[in-house]
Amino acid sequence: MRIDVHAHLWTAGTRPAYIHPAGEGAASPLITEHDMTWMVGAPVEDTVAVMHLILAGLPARYPRMRVLASHLGGALSLLPRRLDNHLAFESPRTPERPSVAARRLWYDTVSHVHPPALVAAAASFGADRLVLGTDFPYEDGEVFLRAVDHIADSGLTPEEATMILDTNAAGLLGLSAP
């Protein structure tokens, strides 16, 4: 993995690196040959991409680096305990627990308006690490509007919804909050 070669560029600038699936079905025929490239493959790609960064130790080595993962980081918000428990025997050279490293990154709220996914991400990463995402231009019309509207109706506290809708993006971009 060669991501760490360019990590110094991310720490010096104000622009975050954005992780989005390529639509390759995680290079798995079990996904692509069964017509699941985007519905299953995209979240798998999101999860794997973030885990590559975490296992390479980039969040620990470059704490000012800003990385935005799409789609709530895939399945990552459901896995923190499992990742931490398997770390010692599966990836013992990782410098910090994945549950800690995952809280150093940012995640957009694209969940196809599934409130439990949003609530799980807020619980796992902190609502302060979530920024509004709409998946535009891939989603538009009613789906686009619901991507914004559902934040306040998802079961998060009003304070958490306000952070996601109004202030967290400023932190991600290194700007002053409004």
Protein backbone atom coordinates (compact mmCIF):
# COMPACT_ATOMS: atom_id res chain seq x y z
CA MET A 1 0.00 0.00 0.00
CA ARG A 2 1.51 3.32 -1.03
CA ILE A 3 -0.86 5.77 0.63
CA ASP A 4 1.71 6.84 3.23
CA VAL A 5 3.98 8.18 0.47
CA HIS A 6 1.59 11.08 -0.03
CA ALA A 7 0.35 11.50 3.55
CA HIS A 8 2.65 14.49 4.10
CA LEU A 9 0.69 16.36 1.42
CA TRP A 10 -2.55 15.88 3.36
CA THR A 11 -1.11 17.17 6.62
CA ALA A 12 0.27 20.35 5.09
CA GLY A 13 -2.82 21.50 3.19
CA THR A 14 -6.34 22.27 4.22
CA ARG A 15 -8.06 19.97 1.76
CA PRO A 16 -9.23 16.60 3.02
CA ALA A 17 -8.69 13.39 1.13
CA TYR A 18 -12.01 11.88 0.08
CA ILE A 19 -12.55 8.13 -0.09
CA HIS A 20 -15.31 6.92 -2.40
CA PRO A 21 -15.82 3.44 -3.83
CA ALA A 22 -14.72 2.85 -7.40
CA GLY A 23 -17.64 0.59 -8.24
CA GLU A 24 -15.44 -2.47 -8.64
CA GLY A 25 -17.46 -4.65 -6.27
CA ALA A 26 -14.38 -4.89 -4.04
CA ALA A 27 -12.79 -6.88 -6.91
CA SER A 28 -14.88 -9.87 -5.90
CA PRO A 29 -16.75 -12.05 -8.38
CA LEU A 30 -18.95 -13.05 -5.43
CA ILE A 31 -20.24 -9.47 -5.62
CA THR A 32 -19.89 -8.42 -9.25
CA GLU A 33 -21.15 -11.62 -10.86
CA HIS A 34 -24.30 -11.51 -8.74
CA ASP A 35 -25.39 -7.93 -9.53
CA MET A 36 -24.38 -6.44 -6.17
CA THR A 37 -21.62 -4.06 -7.30
CA TRP A 38 -23.12 -0.94 -5.76
CA MET A 39 -25.56 -2.24 -3.16
CA VAL A 40 -23.01 -4.51 -1.45
CA GLY A 41 -19.71 -3.81 -3.20
CA ALA A 42 -19.65 -0.07 -2.46
CA PRO A 43 -19.98 -0.44 1.34
CA VAL A 44 -17.37 -3.21 1.29
CA GLU A 45 -15.00 -0.95 -0.67
CA ASP A 46 -15.63 1.90 1.81
CA THR A 47 -14.89 -0.39 4.76
CA VAL A 48 -11.75 -1.88 3.23
CA ALA A 49 -10.33 1.50 2.17
CA VAL A 50 -10.68 2.95 5.67
CA MET A 51 -9.22 -0.19 7.24
CA HIS A 52 -6.18 0.05 4.94
CA LEU A 53 -5.52 3.53 6.32
CA ILE A 54 -6.03 2.42 9.91
CA LEU A 55 -3.91 -0.72 9.67
CA ALA A 56 -1.14 1.25 7.95
CA GLY A 57 -1.19 3.54 11.00
CA LEU A 58 -1.82 6.75 9.06
CA PRO A 59 -4.31 8.29 11.51
CA ALA A 60 -1.81 7.80 14.36
CA ARG A 61 1.24 9.02 12.41
CA TYR A 62 -0.54 12.00 10.85
CA PRO A 63 -3.09 13.21 13.41
CA ARG A 64 -3.74 16.45 11.48
CA MET A 65 -4.52 14.57 8.28
CA ARG A 66 -8.16 14.94 7.32
CA VAL A 67 -9.78 12.02 5.56
CA LEU A 68 -13.46 11.92 4.64
CA ALA A 69 -14.90 8.47 4.04
CA SER A 70 -18.14 8.19 2.11
CA HIS A 71 -21.27 6.27 3.09
CA LEU A 72 -20.59 6.35 6.85
CA GLY A 73 -17.42 4.35 6.26
CA GLY A 74 -19.33 1.33 4.97
CA ALA A 75 -19.78 -1.26 7.71
CA LEU A 76 -17.03 0.18 9.89
CA SER A 77 -19.40 1.56 12.54
CA LEU A 78 -20.63 -1.98 13.22
CA LEU A 79 -17.16 -3.46 13.72
CA PRO A 80 -15.11 -1.50 16.33
CA ARG A 81 -15.13 -4.18 19.04
CA ARG A 82 -14.42 -6.97 16.55
CA LEU A 83 -11.57 -4.98 14.98
CA ASP A 84 -10.02 -4.23 18.37
CA ASN A 85 -10.37 -7.86 19.52
CA HIS A 86 -8.72 -9.29 16.39
CA LEU A 87 -5.91 -6.75 16.20
CA ALA A 88 -3.39 -8.58 18.41
CA PHE A 89 -3.28 -11.72 16.28
CA GLU A 90 -4.25 -10.40 12.86
CA SER A 91 -2.40 -7.09 12.58
CA PRO A 92 -0.20 -6.69 15.68
CA ARG A 93 1.96 -3.92 14.19
CA THR A 94 -0.97 -1.50 13.97
CA PRO A 95 -0.01 1.42 16.26
CA GLU A 96 -3.44 2.01 17.82
CA ARG A 97 -6.74 0.27 18.24
CA PRO A 98 -8.98 0.62 15.16
CA SER A 99 -11.78 2.02 17.35
CA VAL A 100 -9.47 4.90 18.31
CA ALA A 101 -8.08 5.46 14.81
CA ALA A 102 -11.58 5.46 13.27
CA ARG A 103 -12.49 8.43 15.48
CA ARG A 104 -9.70 10.47 13.85
CA LEU A 105 -11.41 10.31 10.44
CA TRP A 106 -14.56 11.95 9.08
CA TYR A 107 -17.58 10.29 7.50
CA ASP A 108 -20.35 11.58 5.25
CA THR A 109 -23.92 10.74 6.20
CA VAL A 110 -24.95 8.96 3.03
CA SER A 111 -26.88 5.99 4.37
CA HIS A 112 -29.76 5.97 1.92
CA VAL A 113 -31.90 7.42 4.68
CA HIS A 114 -31.44 4.52 7.08
CA PRO A 115 -31.57 6.06 10.58
CA PRO A 116 -30.05 3.06 12.43
CA ALA A 117 -26.93 3.35 10.26
CA LEU A 118 -26.58 7.04 11.09
CA VAL A 119 -27.14 6.44 14.81
CA ALA A 120 -24.56 3.61 14.81
CA ALA A 121 -21.99 5.85 13.14
CA ALA A 122 -22.61 8.64 15.65
CA ALA A 123 -22.22 6.16 18.51
CA SER A 124 -19.06 4.57 17.07
CA PHE A 125 -17.22 7.60 15.71
CA GLY A 126 -18.87 10.54 17.49
CA ALA A 127 -21.43 12.85 15.91
CA ASP A 128 -18.68 15.46 15.65
CA ARG A 129 -17.00 13.28 12.96
CA LEU A 130 -20.06 13.17 10.66
CA VAL A 131 -20.73 15.65 7.88
CA LEU A 132 -23.77 15.96 5.67
CA GLY A 133 -23.57 13.87 2.53
CA THR A 134 -26.15 13.47 -0.24
CA ASP A 135 -24.47 11.27 -2.88
CA PHE A 136 -25.27 13.94 -5.48
CA PRO A 137 -25.23 13.62 -8.49
CA TYR A 138 -25.91 9.88 -8.12
CA GLU A 139 -28.98 10.57 -6.02
CA ASP A 140 -31.27 13.46 -6.82
CA GLY A 141 -34.88 14.58 -6.51
CA GLU A 142 -36.76 13.16 -3.53
CA VAL A 143 -33.85 10.92 -2.48
CA PHE A 144 -31.55 13.95 -2.43
CA LEU A 145 -33.99 15.93 -0.28
CA ARG A 146 -34.51 13.04 2.15
CA ALA A 147 -30.74 12.74 2.60
CA VAL A 148 -30.82 16.16 4.23
CA ASP A 149 -34.18 16.00 5.97
CA HIS A 150 -33.67 12.65 7.68
CA ILE A 151 -30.74 13.87 9.80
CA ALA A 152 -33.07 15.70 12.20
CA ASP A 153 -35.54 12.79 12.29
CA SER A 154 -33.04 9.96 12.74
CA GLY A 155 -33.06 9.67 16.51
CA LEU A 156 -29.96 11.77 17.08
CA THR A 157 -30.16 14.57 19.61
CA PRO A 158 -30.92 18.05 18.26
CA GLU A 159 -27.35 19.05 19.16
CA GLU A 160 -25.90 16.16 17.15
CA ALA A 161 -28.12 16.96 14.16
CA THR A 162 -27.02 20.61 14.31
CA MET A 163 -23.36 19.58 14.36
CA ILE A 164 -23.86 17.39 11.28
CA LEU A 165 -25.92 19.93 9.36
CA ASP A 166 -24.23 23.18 10.40
CA THR A 167 -20.78 22.99 11.99
CA ASN A 168 -18.82 19.77 11.41
CA ALA A 169 -17.94 20.51 7.79
CA ALA A 170 -16.14 23.69 8.90
CA GLY A 171 -13.92 21.57 11.17
CA LEU A 172 -13.23 19.10 8.39
CA LEU A 173 -12.22 21.89 6.05
CA GLY A 174 -10.15 23.73 8.66
CA LEU A 175 -12.49 26.75 8.70
CA SER A 176 -14.02 28.59 11.59
CA ALA A 177 -17.41 27.24 12.60
CA PRO A 178 -20.34 29.56 11.80
